[in-house]
Each structure stands twice: as structure tokens, then as C-alpha cells.
Protein backbone atom coordinates (compact mmCIF):
# COMPACT_ATOMS: atom_id res chain seq x y z
CA MET A 1 6.35 -0.58 -19.55
CA ILE A 2 7.79 -3.79 -18.05
CA LYS A 3 8.21 -2.06 -14.68
CA LEU A 4 4.58 -0.95 -14.74
CA PHE A 5 3.45 -4.50 -15.50
CA LYS A 6 5.64 -5.92 -12.72
CA PHE A 7 4.41 -3.22 -10.34
CA VAL A 8 0.80 -4.14 -11.09
CA VAL A 9 1.46 -7.86 -10.60
CA ALA A 10 3.55 -7.50 -7.42
CA GLY A 11 1.33 -4.74 -6.07
CA GLY A 12 -1.78 -6.72 -6.92
CA ILE A 13 -0.54 -9.79 -5.06
CA ASN A 14 0.51 -7.70 -2.06
CA THR A 15 -2.71 -5.69 -2.10
CA LEU A 16 -4.94 -8.76 -2.30
CA PHE A 17 -3.03 -10.42 0.54
CA THR A 18 -3.12 -7.38 2.80
CA TYR A 19 -6.72 -6.53 1.91
CA LEU A 20 -7.65 -10.06 2.95
CA ILE A 21 -6.00 -9.36 6.30
CA TYR A 22 -8.07 -6.15 6.55
CA VAL A 23 -11.31 -7.98 5.71
CA VAL A 24 -10.68 -10.80 8.20
CA LEU A 25 -9.86 -8.35 10.99
CA VAL A 26 -12.95 -6.21 10.30
CA LEU A 27 -15.18 -9.30 10.15
CA MET A 28 -13.68 -10.39 13.50
CA GLY A 29 -15.00 -7.16 15.00
CA ILE A 30 -11.77 -5.16 15.02
CA SER A 31 -12.26 -1.51 14.13
CA TYR A 32 -11.57 -0.55 10.54
CA GLN A 33 -8.87 1.90 11.72
CA THR A 34 -6.95 -0.80 13.63
CA ALA A 35 -7.37 -3.22 10.72
CA LEU A 36 -5.95 -0.54 8.41
CA VAL A 37 -2.84 -0.21 10.60
CA TRP A 38 -2.21 -3.97 10.46
CA GLU A 39 -2.86 -4.02 6.72
CA TYR A 40 -0.14 -1.40 6.24
CA ILE A 41 2.38 -3.00 8.61
CA VAL A 42 2.24 -6.29 6.72
CA GLY A 43 1.95 -4.55 3.35
CA ILE A 44 5.02 -2.39 3.87
CA VAL A 45 7.29 -5.35 4.53
CA CYS A 46 5.89 -7.60 1.80
CA GLY A 47 5.54 -4.77 -0.71
CA TYR A 48 9.07 -3.51 -0.17
CA LEU A 49 10.58 -6.94 -0.78
CA LEU A 50 8.49 -7.54 -3.91
CA GLN A 51 9.03 -4.09 -5.40
CA ARG A 52 12.72 -3.78 -4.58
CA PHE A 53 13.88 -7.21 -5.68
CA TRP A 54 11.44 -8.05 -8.49
CA THR A 55 9.81 -4.95 -9.96
CA PHE A 56 12.57 -2.37 -9.82
CA ARG A 57 15.60 -4.60 -9.14
CA ALA A 58 17.07 -1.69 -7.29
CA GLY A 59 20.77 -1.66 -6.65
CA SER A 60 20.62 1.25 -4.24
CA ASN A 61 21.45 1.03 -0.55
CA LEU A 62 19.03 -1.32 1.21
CA LEU A 63 18.62 0.85 4.32
CA ILE A 64 18.16 4.10 2.40
CA SER A 65 15.59 2.64 0.01
CA PHE A 66 13.72 0.99 2.91
CA PHE A 67 13.61 4.32 4.76
CA LYS A 68 12.28 6.03 1.61
CA TYR A 69 9.72 3.24 1.17
CA ILE A 70 8.52 3.56 4.76
CA SER A 71 8.32 7.34 4.36
CA LEU A 72 6.27 6.93 1.20
CA TYR A 73 3.90 4.54 2.89
CA CYS A 74 3.51 6.80 5.91
CA LEU A 75 2.24 9.43 3.48
CA ILE A 76 0.05 6.91 1.63
CA PHE A 77 -1.24 5.61 4.98
CA LEU A 78 -2.24 9.11 6.09
CA LEU A 79 -4.04 9.74 2.80
CA ASN A 80 -5.69 6.32 2.98
CA SER A 81 -6.71 6.80 6.60
CA TRP A 82 -8.21 10.23 5.95
CA LEU A 83 -10.06 9.08 2.83
CA LEU A 84 -11.34 5.90 4.49
CA GLU A 85 -12.60 7.79 7.53
CA TYR A 86 -14.29 10.31 5.25
CA LEU A 87 -16.04 7.59 3.25
CA VAL A 88 -17.10 5.57 6.31
CA GLU A 89 -17.91 8.28 8.84
CA ARG A 90 -19.14 11.15 6.65
CA LYS A 91 -20.65 9.29 3.72
CA SER A 92 -21.72 6.15 5.65
CA TYR A 93 -20.23 3.78 3.08
CA ASN A 94 -19.27 0.23 3.95
CA SER A 95 -15.70 0.07 5.28
CA LEU A 96 -14.75 -2.98 3.19
CA ILE A 97 -15.88 -1.44 -0.08
CA SER A 98 -14.44 1.95 0.90
CA GLN A 99 -11.01 0.47 1.58
CA ALA A 100 -11.02 -1.38 -1.73
CA CYS A 101 -11.71 1.94 -3.47
CA CYS A 102 -8.97 3.70 -1.48
CA LEU A 103 -6.43 1.07 -2.49
CA ILE A 104 -7.26 1.49 -6.17
CA MET A 105 -7.12 5.30 -5.96
CA LEU A 106 -3.73 5.38 -4.23
CA ALA A 107 -1.98 2.75 -6.40
CA GLY A 108 -1.01 5.20 -9.17
CA LEU A 109 0.50 7.67 -6.72
CA SER A 110 2.45 4.87 -5.10
CA PHE A 111 3.89 3.66 -8.42
CA PHE A 112 4.96 7.13 -9.47
CA ILE A 113 6.73 7.89 -6.18
CA GLN A 114 8.39 4.48 -6.00
CA LYS A 115 9.70 4.79 -9.53
CA LYS A 116 10.90 8.39 -9.23
CA LEU A 117 12.09 8.61 -5.62
CA VAL A 118 12.40 5.25 -3.88
CA PHE A 119 13.86 2.80 -6.39
CA VAL A 120 15.78 5.15 -8.64
CA SER A 121 17.64 3.44 -11.48
CA LYS A 122 21.17 4.56 -12.11
């Protein structure tokens, strides 16, 4: 239960920070797809450091866990990108609100995979 709490806190901080980057870029006129890429680039680095060293306190190999983390977020990015495009292009929803919803929907999947596959406790 402590790990879940820490995940929510660390993930919440990282998500708010990277979502702010997304919002600023979109409001500057950058496409929502490009803004999403930058959101994920920054989020992967910040999120990995927060989750590895604070939430899960993983003792596993740094390079291996980083590779797993990047792999996870490539999958999450693809899901996020598809869902965001669907909401914006097919349903004509606002890209800022749509991305906020995507982040919330994908958080549970991210926690489960990080706990079970990325930062495995020994």
C-alpha cells in the first residue's frame, strides 16, 4: 500500500509537470502530437528517477531497469497517442482535456507494469 501511495505522489508530481509542458506547447501553437512527444521525453526521465529511487527503491541493475522503463513507456506512449488521436480527430474533443483523460486512464496500467516487471523487488 505504501508503494501505491508513493507511486501516486511521484506520478502525480511528474504528470502535473509534464502535462504543464504539454499545455504550454499546445497553447504556443505546436501540434498536440508533437507536444505529446515532448511530454513523454521529459516524463520518462523524470518519472524513472522518481519511481526507481523513491517509490520502488529498486536495487536492480540501473541499465536493465531503465531499458524496461523505456520499453513500458513506448507501449504507454503508443496507447496514449492512439487514444488521444481518436478523441481529438474522431470525437472532436479538446486536446487538452483529452490528454488529461488519457493520463488518468493509463496511470493504473503503468503502476501495475512498473511494479510487476520494471522495478521487481527481490
